[in-house]
Amino acid sequence: MTTCYYLRKLLAQSANQLQSFIVEGAGIVADEKSDINHVLESLYLEELDISLMARDLEVIVQLQTILSRSTSTSSQPLGQLAKVERRIFWILGLKKTMR
């Protein structure tokens, strides 16, 4: 499963709970149809920052995939999974709200 596909799936699953914290018009708001590269390019101005955030997302998505599998087969706390998810959304300029 590619990182972009996984991110789009996660964004679709959480769509009604996500809110952008970026000033309106300052960047592309990520959703399940977004080109993740364009979102990162709109949020981070420096090429190095864009590359670092893209790499961070790749690593975090791998971690979340591992945590998701392990929580379904053991009693590992879901807190770690939620923390990783929050980090993914934060990188994309989003926060999860309680609705």
PDB file of N, CA and C in Angstrom:
ATOM      1  N   MET A   1       0.851  -1.179   0.000  1.00  0.00           N
ATOM      2  CA  MET A   1       0.000   0.000   0.000  1.00  0.00           C
ATOM      3  C   MET A   1       0.898   1.245   0.000  1.00  0.00           C
ATOM      4  N   THR A   2       0.660   2.145  -0.927  1.00  0.00           N
ATOM      5  CA  THR A   2       1.494   3.334  -0.997  1.00  0.00           C
ATOM      6  C   THR A   2       1.088   4.338   0.072  1.00  0.00           C
ATOM      7  N   THR A   3       2.021   5.212   0.384  1.00  0.00           N
ATOM      8  CA  THR A   3       1.776   6.233   1.403  1.00  0.00           C
ATOM      9  C   THR A   3       0.614   7.144   1.015  1.00  0.00           C
ATOM     10  N   CYS A   4       0.601   7.606  -0.229  1.00  0.00           N
ATOM     11  CA  CYS A   4      -0.474   8.519  -0.656  1.00  0.00           C
ATOM     12  C   CYS A   4      -1.845   7.850  -0.577  1.00  0.00           C
ATOM     13  N   TYR A   5      -1.922   6.596  -1.015  1.00  0.00           N
ATOM     14  CA  TYR A   5      -3.185   5.867  -0.939  1.00  0.00           C
ATOM     15  C   TYR A   5      -3.643   5.754   0.514  1.00  0.00           C
ATOM     16  N   TYR A   6      -2.718   5.384   1.385  1.00  0.00           N
ATOM     17  CA  TYR A   6      -3.050   5.227   2.798  1.00  0.00           C
ATOM     18  C   TYR A   6      -3.522   6.558   3.385  1.00  0.00           C
ATOM     19  N   LEU A   7      -2.824   7.648   3.046  1.00  0.00           N
ATOM     20  CA  LEU A   7      -3.212   8.961   3.556  1.00  0.00           C
ATOM     21  C   LEU A   7      -4.595   9.356   3.064  1.00  0.00           C
ATOM     22  N   ARG A   8      -4.877   9.119   1.803  1.00  0.00           N
ATOM     23  CA  ARG A   8      -6.203   9.448   1.266  1.00  0.00           C
ATOM     24  C   ARG A   8      -7.287   8.641   1.968  1.00  0.00           C
ATOM     25  N   LYS A   9      -7.011   7.371   2.204  1.00  0.00           N
ATOM     26  CA  LYS A   9      -7.962   6.510   2.912  1.00  0.00           C
ATOM     27  C   LYS A   9      -8.205   7.035   4.329  1.00  0.00           C
ATOM     28  N   LEU A  10      -7.126   7.407   5.024  1.00  0.00           N
ATOM     29  CA  LEU A  10      -7.240   7.955   6.376  1.00  0.00           C
ATOM     30  C   LEU A  10      -8.013   9.273   6.369  1.00  0.00           C
ATOM     31  N   LEU A  11      -7.737  10.121   5.389  1.00  0.00           N
ATOM     32  CA  LEU A  11      -8.451  11.391   5.273  1.00  0.00           C
ATOM     33  C   LEU A  11      -9.940  11.165   5.003  1.00  0.00           C
ATOM     34  N   ALA A  12     -10.261  10.187   4.176  1.00  0.00           N
ATOM     35  CA  ALA A  12     -11.664   9.883   3.874  1.00  0.00           C
ATOM     36  C   ALA A  12     -12.390   9.377   5.115  1.00  0.00           C
ATOM     37  N   GLN A  13     -11.725   8.509   5.879  1.00  0.00           N
ATOM     38  CA  GLN A  13     -12.339   7.941   7.082  1.00  0.00           C
ATOM     39  C   GLN A  13     -12.593   9.001   8.150  1.00  0.00           C
ATOM     40  N   SER A  14     -11.771  10.034   8.178  1.00  0.00           N
ATOM     41  CA  SER A  14     -11.858  11.049   9.230  1.00  0.00           C
ATOM     42  C   SER A  14     -12.412  12.378   8.730  1.00  0.00           C
ATOM     43  N   ALA A  15     -12.890  12.421   7.506  1.00  0.00           N
ATOM     44  CA  ALA A  15     -13.275  13.678   6.858  1.00  0.00           C
ATOM     45  C   ALA A  15     -14.195  14.564   7.698  1.00  0.00           C
ATOM     46  N   ASN A  16     -15.200  13.983   8.321  1.00  0.00           N
ATOM     47  CA  ASN A  16     -16.155  14.796   9.085  1.00  0.00           C
ATOM     48  C   ASN A  16     -15.619  15.233  10.448  1.00  0.00           C
ATOM     49  N   GLN A  17     -14.398  14.804  10.800  1.00  0.00           N
ATOM     50  CA  GLN A  17     -13.803  15.175  12.084  1.00  0.00           C
ATOM     51  C   GLN A  17     -12.576  16.072  11.931  1.00  0.00           C
ATOM     52  N   LEU A  18     -12.225  16.424  10.692  1.00  0.00           N
ATOM     53  CA  LEU A  18     -11.000  17.189  10.462  1.00  0.00           C
ATOM     54  C   LEU A  18     -11.288  18.649  10.189  1.00  0.00           C
ATOM     55  N   GLN A  19     -10.378  19.476  10.686  1.00  0.00           N
ATOM     56  CA  GLN A  19     -10.483  20.917  10.493  1.00  0.00           C
ATOM     57  C   GLN A  19      -9.090  21.447  10.177  1.00  0.00           C
ATOM     58  N   SER A  20      -9.018  22.303   9.175  1.00  0.00           N
ATOM     59  CA  SER A  20      -7.736  22.910   8.826  1.00  0.00           C
ATOM     60  C   SER A  20      -7.402  23.997   9.832  1.00  0.00           C
ATOM     61  N   PHE A  21      -6.135  24.057  10.250  1.00  0.00           N
ATOM     62  CA  PHE A  21      -5.711  25.145  11.129  1.00  0.00           C
ATOM     63  C   PHE A  21      -4.841  26.149  10.369  1.00  0.00           C
ATOM     64  N   ILE A  22      -4.761  25.994   9.060  1.00  0.00           N
ATOM     65  CA  ILE A  22      -4.003  26.904   8.209  1.00  0.00           C
ATOM     66  C   ILE A  22      -4.915  28.076   7.834  1.00  0.00           C
ATOM     67  N   VAL A  23      -4.349  29.261   7.806  1.00  0.00           N
ATOM     68  CA  VAL A  23      -5.112  30.447   7.419  1.00  0.00           C
ATOM     69  C   VAL A  23      -5.713  30.216   6.037  1.00  0.00           C
ATOM     70  N   GLU A  24      -6.983  30.550   5.886  1.00  0.00           N
ATOM     71  CA  GLU A  24      -7.671  30.338   4.622  1.00  0.00           C
ATOM     72  C   GLU A  24      -6.903  30.984   3.469  1.00  0.00           C
ATOM     73  N   GLY A  25      -6.662  30.189   2.434  1.00  0.00           N
ATOM     74  CA  GLY A  25      -5.949  30.675   1.260  1.00  0.00           C
ATOM     75  C   GLY A  25      -4.435  30.551   1.353  1.00  0.00           C
ATOM     76  N   ALA A  26      -3.917  30.182   2.513  1.00  0.00           N
ATOM     77  CA  ALA A  26      -2.463  30.087   2.690  1.00  0.00           C
ATOM     78  C   ALA A  26      -1.904  28.754   2.205  1.00  0.00           C
ATOM     79  N   GLY A  27      -2.759  27.794   1.958  1.00  0.00           N
ATOM     80  CA  GLY A  27      -2.309  26.486   1.494  1.00  0.00           C
ATOM     81  C   GLY A  27      -3.494  25.651   1.074  1.00  0.00           C
ATOM     82  N   ILE A  28      -3.202  24.548   0.417  1.00  0.00           N
ATOM     83  CA  ILE A  28      -4.246  23.628  -0.009  1.00  0.00           C
ATOM     84  C   ILE A  28      -4.711  22.814   1.202  1.00  0.00           C
ATOM     85  N   VAL A  29      -6.020  22.733   1.376  1.00  0.00           N
ATOM     86  CA  VAL A  29      -6.573  21.919   2.462  1.00  0.00           C
ATOM     87  C   VAL A  29      -6.629  20.470   1.993  1.00  0.00           C
ATOM     88  N   ALA A  30      -5.967  19.603   2.731  1.00  0.00           N
ATOM     89  CA  ALA A  30      -5.886  18.188   2.361  1.00  0.00           C
ATOM     90  C   ALA A  30      -7.232  17.501   2.541  1.00  0.00           C
ATOM     91  N   ASP A  31      -7.579  16.691   1.561  1.00  0.00           N
ATOM     92  CA  ASP A  31      -8.733  15.800   1.671  1.00  0.00           C
ATOM     93  C   ASP A  31      -8.419  14.526   0.905  1.00  0.00           C
ATOM     94  N   GLU A  32      -9.391  13.616   0.826  1.00  0.00           N
ATOM     95  CA  GLU A  32      -9.133  12.315   0.223  1.00  0.00           C
ATOM     96  C   GLU A  32      -8.838  12.368  -1.270  1.00  0.00           C
ATOM     97  N   LYS A  33      -9.102  13.497  -1.913  1.00  0.00           N
ATOM     98  CA  LYS A  33      -8.843  13.636  -3.347  1.00  0.00           C
ATOM     99  C   LYS A  33      -7.581  14.450  -3.639  1.00  0.00           C
ATOM    100  N   SER A  34      -6.950  14.965  -2.608  1.00  0.00           N
ATOM    101  CA  SER A  34      -5.793  15.843  -2.772  1.00  0.00           C
ATOM    102  C   SER A  34      -4.560  15.103  -3.266  1.00  0.00           C
ATOM    103  N   ASP A  35      -3.764  15.830  -4.034  1.00  0.00           N
ATOM    104  CA  ASP A  35      -2.416  15.362  -4.358  1.00  0.00           C
ATOM    105  C   ASP A  35      -1.571  15.742  -3.146  1.00  0.00           C
ATOM    106  N   ILE A  36      -1.125  14.756  -2.402  1.00  0.00           N
ATOM    107  CA  ILE A  36      -0.414  15.001  -1.148  1.00  0.00           C
ATOM    108  C   ILE A  36       0.846  15.830  -1.382  1.00  0.00           C
ATOM    109  N   ASN A  37       1.532  15.599  -2.510  1.00  0.00           N
ATOM    110  CA  ASN A  37       2.722  16.403  -2.816  1.00  0.00           C
ATOM    111  C   ASN A  37       2.377  17.876  -2.976  1.00  0.00           C
ATOM    112  N   HIS A  38       1.268  18.173  -3.646  1.00  0.00           N
ATOM    113  CA  HIS A  38       0.845  19.573  -3.814  1.00  0.00           C
ATOM    114  C   HIS A  38       0.453  20.197  -2.473  1.00  0.00           C
ATOM    115  N   VAL A  39      -0.178  19.408  -1.626  1.00  0.00           N
ATOM    116  CA  VAL A  39      -0.535  19.904  -0.294  1.00  0.00           C
ATOM    117  C   VAL A  39       0.733  20.296   0.464  1.00  0.00           C
ATOM    118  N   LEU A  40       1.720  19.407   0.481  1.00  0.00           N
ATOM    119  CA  LEU A  40       2.972  19.705   1.192  1.00  0.00           C
ATOM    120  C   LEU A  40       3.679  20.907   0.599  1.00  0.00           C
ATOM    121  N   GLU A  41       3.697  21.012  -0.726  1.00  0.00           N
ATOM    122  CA  GLU A  41       4.340  22.146  -1.388  1.00  0.00           C
ATOM    123  C   GLU A  41       3.639  23.457  -1.058  1.00  0.00           C
ATOM    124  N   SER A  42       2.332  23.408  -0.829  1.00  0.00           N
ATOM    125  CA  SER A  42       1.600  24.633  -0.502  1.00  0.00           C
ATOM    126  C   SER A  42       1.765  25.029   0.968  1.00  0.00           C
ATOM    127  N   LEU A  43       2.037  24.039   1.824  1.00  0.00           N
ATOM    128  CA  LEU A  43       2.157  24.317   3.252  1.00  0.00           C
ATOM    129  C   LEU A  43       3.580  24.664   3.688  1.00  0.00           C
ATOM    130  N   TYR A  44       4.555  24.088   3.019  1.00  0.00           N
ATOM    131  CA  TYR A  44       5.951  24.277   3.405  1.00  0.00           C
ATOM    132  C   TYR A  44       6.693  24.934   2.247  1.00  0.00           C
ATOM    133  N   LEU A  45       7.315  26.060   2.517  1.00  0.00           N
ATOM    134  CA  LEU A  45       7.902  26.859   1.453  1.00  0.00           C
ATOM    135  C   LEU A  45       9.289  26.397   1.027  1.00  0.00           C
ATOM    136  N   GLU A  46      10.057  25.891   1.945  1.00  0.00           N
ATOM    137  CA  GLU A  46      11.429  25.481   1.650  1.00  0.00           C
ATOM    138  C   GLU A  46      11.453  24.046   1.117  1.00  0.00           C
ATOM    139  N   GLU A  47      12.263  23.817   0.092  1.00  0.00           N
ATOM    140  CA  GLU A  47      12.387  22.482  -0.496  1.00  0.00           C
ATOM    141  C   GLU A  47      12.806  21.443   0.541  1.00  0.00           C
ATOM    142  N   LEU A  48      13.706  21.831   1.430  1.00  0.00           N
ATOM    143  CA  LEU A  48      14.165  20.914   2.471  1.00  0.00           C
ATOM    144  C   LEU A  48      13.014  20.534   3.402  1.00  0.00           C
ATOM    145  N   ASP A  49      12.196  21.512   3.790  1.00  0.00           N
ATOM    146  CA  ASP A  49      11.049  21.235   4.661  1.00  0.00           C
ATOM    147  C   ASP A  49      10.045  20.307   3.978  1.00  0.00           C
ATOM    148  N   ILE A  50       9.813  20.532   2.696  1.00  0.00           N
ATOM    149  CA  ILE A  50       8.888  19.676   1.944  1.00  0.00           C
ATOM    150  C   ILE A  50       9.397  18.237   1.938  1.00  0.00           C
ATOM    151  N   SER A  51      10.678  18.077   1.660  1.00  0.00           N
ATOM    152  CA  SER A  51      11.281  16.740   1.635  1.00  0.00           C
ATOM    153  C   SER A  51      11.227  16.075   3.001  1.00  0.00           C
ATOM    154  N   LEU A  52      11.516  16.847   4.046  1.00  0.00           N
ATOM    155  CA  LEU A  52      11.488  16.291   5.405  1.00  0.00           C
ATOM    156  C   LEU A  52      10.082  15.870   5.805  1.00  0.00           C
ATOM    157  N   MET A  53       9.092  16.674   5.486  1.00  0.00           N
ATOM    158  CA  MET A  53       7.713  16.334   5.837  1.00  0.00           C
ATOM    159  C   MET A  53       7.231  15.128   5.043  1.00  0.00           C
ATOM    160  N   ALA A  54       7.622  15.038   3.766  1.00  0.00           N
ATOM    161  CA  ALA A  54       7.237  13.885   2.951  1.00  0.00           C
ATOM    162  C   ALA A  54       7.859  12.611   3.521  1.00  0.00           C
ATOM    163  N   ARG A  55       9.122  12.686   3.900  1.00  0.00           N
ATOM    164  CA  ARG A  55       9.804  11.524   4.486  1.00  0.00           C
ATOM    165  C   ARG A  55       9.190  11.172   5.841  1.00  0.00           C
ATOM    166  N   ASP A  56       8.887  12.195   6.626  1.00  0.00           N
ATOM    167  CA  ASP A  56       8.255  11.976   7.929  1.00  0.00           C
ATOM    168  C   ASP A  56       6.921  11.253   7.754  1.00  0.00           C
ATOM    169  N   LEU A  57       6.133  11.673   6.770  1.00  0.00           N
ATOM    170  CA  LEU A  57       4.851  11.009   6.511  1.00  0.00           C
ATOM    171  C   LEU A  57       5.046   9.549   6.131  1.00  0.00           C
ATOM    172  N   GLU A  58       6.042   9.267   5.305  1.00  0.00           N
ATOM    173  CA  GLU A  58       6.303   7.879   4.912  1.00  0.00           C
ATOM    174  C   GLU A  58       6.601   7.013   6.129  1.00  0.00           C
ATOM    175  N   VAL A  59       7.463   7.524   7.011  1.00  0.00           N
ATOM    176  CA  VAL A  59       7.843   6.770   8.210  1.00  0.00           C
ATOM    177  C   VAL A  59       6.655   6.614   9.149  1.00  0.00           C
ATOM    178  N   ILE A  60       5.920   7.686   9.351  1.00  0.00           N
ATOM    179  CA  ILE A  60       4.783   7.656  10.272  1.00  0.00           C
ATOM    180  C   ILE A  60       3.678   6.728   9.764  1.00  0.00           C
ATOM    181  N   VAL A  61       3.437   6.739   8.457  1.00  0.00           N
ATOM    182  CA  VAL A  61       2.422   5.844   7.890  1.00  0.00           C
ATOM    183  C   VAL A  61       2.833   4.387   8.098  1.00  0.00           C
ATOM    184  N   GLN A  62       4.112   4.090   7.922  1.00  0.00           N
ATOM    185  CA  GLN A  62       4.590   2.725   8.187  1.00  0.00           C
ATOM    186  C   GLN A  62       4.372   2.361   9.653  1.00  0.00           C
ATOM    187  N   LEU A  63       4.694   3.288  10.548  1.00  0.00           N
ATOM    188  CA  LEU A  63       4.495   3.055  11.977  1.00  0.00           C
ATOM    189  C   LEU A  63       3.020   2.833  12.287  1.00  0.00           C
ATOM    190  N   GLN A  64       2.166   3.664  11.711  1.00  0.00           N
ATOM    191  CA  GLN A  64       0.741   3.518  11.979  1.00  0.00           C
ATOM    192  C   GLN A  64       0.212   2.180  11.459  1.00  0.00           C
ATOM    193  N   THR A  65       0.710   1.749  10.318  1.00  0.00           N
ATOM    194  CA  THR A  65       0.297   0.461   9.773  1.00  0.00           C
ATOM    195  C   THR A  65       0.677  -0.670  10.724  1.00  0.00           C
ATOM    196  N   ILE A  66       1.882  -0.605  11.247  1.00  0.00           N
ATOM    197  CA  ILE A  66       2.338  -1.615  12.204  1.00  0.00           C
ATOM    198  C   ILE A  66       1.492  -1.575  13.479  1.00  0.00           C
ATOM    199  N   LEU A  67       1.255  -0.367  13.995  1.00  0.00           N
ATOM    200  CA  LEU A  67       0.449  -0.229  15.212  1.00  0.00           C
ATOM    201  C   LEU A  67      -0.977  -0.724  14.989  1.00  0.00           C
ATOM    202  N   SER A  68      -1.545  -0.436  13.827  1.00  0.00           N
ATOM    203  CA  SER A  68      -2.915  -0.882  13.521  1.00  0.00           C
ATOM    204  C   SER A  68      -3.010  -2.398  13.542  1.00  0.00           C
ATOM    205  N   ARG A  69      -2.021  -3.043  12.957  1.00  0.00           N
ATOM    206  CA  ARG A  69      -2.020  -4.514  12.940  1.00  0.00           C
ATOM    207  C   ARG A  69      -1.853  -5.076  14.343  1.00  0.00           C
ATOM    208  N   SER A  70      -0.963  -4.464  15.120  1.00  0.00           N
ATOM    209  CA  SER A  70      -0.695  -5.007  16.452  1.00  0.00           C
ATOM    210  C   SER A  70      -1.845  -4.753  17.420  1.00  0.00           C
ATOM    211  N   THR A  71      -2.588  -3.655  17.252  1.00  0.00           N
ATOM    212  CA  THR A  71      -3.719  -3.411  18.146  1.00  0.00           C
ATOM    213  C   THR A  71      -4.869  -4.353  17.844  1.00  0.00           C
ATOM    214  N   SER A  72      -4.923  -4.855  16.615  1.00  0.00           N
ATOM    215  CA  SER A  72      -5.997  -5.793  16.294  1.00  0.00           C
ATOM    216  C   SER A  72      -5.680  -7.207  16.785  1.00  0.00           C
ATOM    217  N   THR A  73      -4.408  -7.468  17.093  1.00  0.00           N
ATOM    218  CA  THR A  73      -4.037  -8.812  17.556  1.00  0.00           C
ATOM    219  C   THR A  73      -3.581  -8.851  19.012  1.00  0.00           C
ATOM    220  N   SER A  74      -3.519  -7.715  19.662  1.00  0.00           N
ATOM    221  CA  SER A  74      -3.098  -7.689  21.062  1.00  0.00           C
ATOM    222  C   SER A  74      -3.851  -6.595  21.801  1.00  0.00           C
ATOM    223  N   SER A  75      -3.522  -6.438  23.061  1.00  0.00           N
ATOM    224  CA  SER A  75      -4.203  -5.422  23.866  1.00  0.00           C
ATOM    225  C   SER A  75      -3.376  -4.148  23.974  1.00  0.00           C
ATOM    226  N   GLN A  76      -2.550  -3.876  22.976  1.00  0.00           N
ATOM    227  CA  GLN A  76      -1.727  -2.655  22.974  1.00  0.00           C
ATOM    228  C   GLN A  76      -2.636  -1.429  23.041  1.00  0.00           C
ATOM    229  N   PRO A  77      -2.248  -0.456  23.830  1.00  0.00           N
ATOM    230  CA  PRO A  77      -3.082   0.738  23.965  1.00  0.00           C
ATOM    231  C   PRO A  77      -3.300   1.465  22.634  1.00  0.00           C
ATOM    232  N   LEU A  78      -4.501   1.949  22.459  1.00  0.00           N
ATOM    233  CA  LEU A  78      -4.822   2.697  21.252  1.00  0.00           C
ATOM    234  C   LEU A  78      -4.275   4.120  21.303  1.00  0.00           C
ATOM    235  N   GLY A  79      -3.771   4.538  22.454  1.00  0.00           N
ATOM    236  CA  GLY A  79      -3.231   5.889  22.602  1.00  0.00           C
ATOM    237  C   GLY A  79      -2.085   6.174  21.658  1.00  0.00           C
ATOM    238  N   GLN A  80      -1.214   5.200  21.464  1.00  0.00           N
ATOM    239  CA  GLN A  80      -0.089   5.385  20.542  1.00  0.00           C
ATOM    240  C   GLN A  80      -0.588   5.578  19.120  1.00  0.00           C
ATOM    241  N   LEU A  81      -1.559   4.807  18.733  1.00  0.00           N
ATOM    242  CA  LEU A  81      -2.124   4.903  17.393  1.00  0.00           C
ATOM    243  C   LEU A  81      -2.756   6.275  17.170  1.00  0.00           C
ATOM    244  N   ALA A  82      -3.483   6.761  18.148  1.00  0.00           N
ATOM    245  CA  ALA A  82      -4.109   8.087  18.053  1.00  0.00           C
ATOM    246  C   ALA A  82      -3.058   9.195  17.963  1.00  0.00           C
ATOM    247  N   LYS A  83      -1.982   9.038  18.705  1.00  0.00           N
ATOM    248  CA  LYS A  83      -0.901  10.029  18.688  1.00  0.00           C
ATOM    249  C   LYS A  83      -0.239  10.097  17.309  1.00  0.00           C
ATOM    250  N   VAL A  84      -0.014   8.948  16.721  1.00  0.00           N
ATOM    251  CA  VAL A  84       0.584   8.883  15.390  1.00  0.00           C
ATOM    252  C   VAL A  84      -0.361   9.506  14.368  1.00  0.00           C
ATOM    253  N   GLU A  85      -1.639   9.211  14.493  1.00  0.00           N
ATOM    254  CA  GLU A  85      -2.635   9.773  13.590  1.00  0.00           C
ATOM    255  C   GLU A  85      -2.671  11.296  13.695  1.00  0.00           C
ATOM    256  N   ARG A  86      -2.617  11.806  14.915  1.00  0.00           N
ATOM    257  CA  ARG A  86      -2.610  13.270  15.110  1.00  0.00           C
ATOM    258  C   ARG A  86      -1.405  13.904  14.420  1.00  0.00           C
ATOM    259  N   ARG A  87      -0.261  13.237  14.504  1.00  0.00           N
ATOM    260  CA  ARG A  87       0.954  13.749  13.853  1.00  0.00           C
ATOM    261  C   ARG A  87       0.787  13.789  12.330  1.00  0.00           C
ATOM    262  N   ILE A  88       0.186  12.766  11.766  1.00  0.00           N
ATOM    263  CA  ILE A  88      -0.070  12.747  10.325  1.00  0.00           C
ATOM    264  C   ILE A  88      -0.936  13.940   9.933  1.00  0.00           C
ATOM    265  N   PHE A  89      -2.031  14.127  10.642  1.00  0.00           N
ATOM    266  CA  PHE A  89      -2.933  15.227  10.331  1.00  0.00           C
ATOM    267  C   PHE A  89      -2.242  16.578  10.518  1.00  0.00           C
ATOM    268  N   TRP A  90      -1.441  16.694  11.559  1.00  0.00           N
ATOM    269  CA  TRP A  90      -0.746  17.949  11.839  1.00  0.00           C
ATOM    270  C   TRP A  90       0.180  18.334  10.683  1.00  0.00           C
ATOM    271  N   ILE A  91       0.930  17.372  10.170  1.00  0.00           N
ATOM    272  CA  ILE A  91       1.825  17.624   9.038  1.00  0.00           C
ATOM    273  C   ILE A  91       1.027  18.121   7.835  1.00  0.00           C
ATOM    274  N   LEU A  92      -0.192  17.640   7.683  1.00  0.00           N
ATOM    275  CA  LEU A  92      -1.049  18.034   6.569  1.00  0.00           C
ATOM    276  C   LEU A  92      -1.873  19.285   6.857  1.00  0.00           C
ATOM    277  N   GLY A  93      -1.603  19.936   7.987  1.00  0.00           N
ATOM    278  CA  GLY A  93      -2.299  21.177   8.314  1.00  0.00           C
ATOM    279  C   GLY A  93      -3.696  20.976   8.863  1.00  0.00           C
ATOM    280  N   LEU A  94      -3.940  19.814   9.442  1.00  0.00           N
ATOM    281  CA  LEU A  94      -5.274  19.469   9.942  1.00  0.00           C
ATOM    282  C   LEU A  94      -5.217  19.065  11.399  1.00  0.00           C
ATOM    283  N   LYS A  95      -6.349  19.232  12.062  1.00  0.00           N
ATOM    284  CA  LYS A  95      -6.489  18.687  13.417  1.00  0.00           C
ATOM    285  C   LYS A  95      -7.837  17.996  13.505  1.00  0.00           C
ATOM    286  N   LYS A  96      -7.871  16.982  14.332  1.00  0.00           N
ATOM    287  CA  LYS A  96      -9.101  16.226  14.519  1.00  0.00           C
ATOM    288  C   LYS A  96      -9.921  16.897  15.613  1.00  0.00           C
ATOM    289  N   THR A  97     -11.191  17.092  15.335  1.00  0.00           N
ATOM    290  CA  THR A  97     -12.082  17.711  16.303  1.00  0.00           C
ATOM    291  C   THR A  97     -13.087  16.677  16.774  1.00  0.00           C
ATOM    292  N   MET A  98     -13.641  16.906  17.920  1.00  0.00           N
ATOM    293  CA  MET A  98     -14.665  16.014  18.462  1.00  0.00           C
ATOM    294  C   MET A  98     -16.029  16.533  18.026  1.00  0.00           C
ATOM    295  N   ARG A  99     -16.670  15.808  17.148  1.00  0.00           N
ATOM    296  CA  ARG A  99     -18.001  16.215  16.670  1.00  0.00           C
ATOM    297  C   ARG A  99     -18.998  15.154  16.984  1.00  0.00           C
TER     298      ARG A  99
END
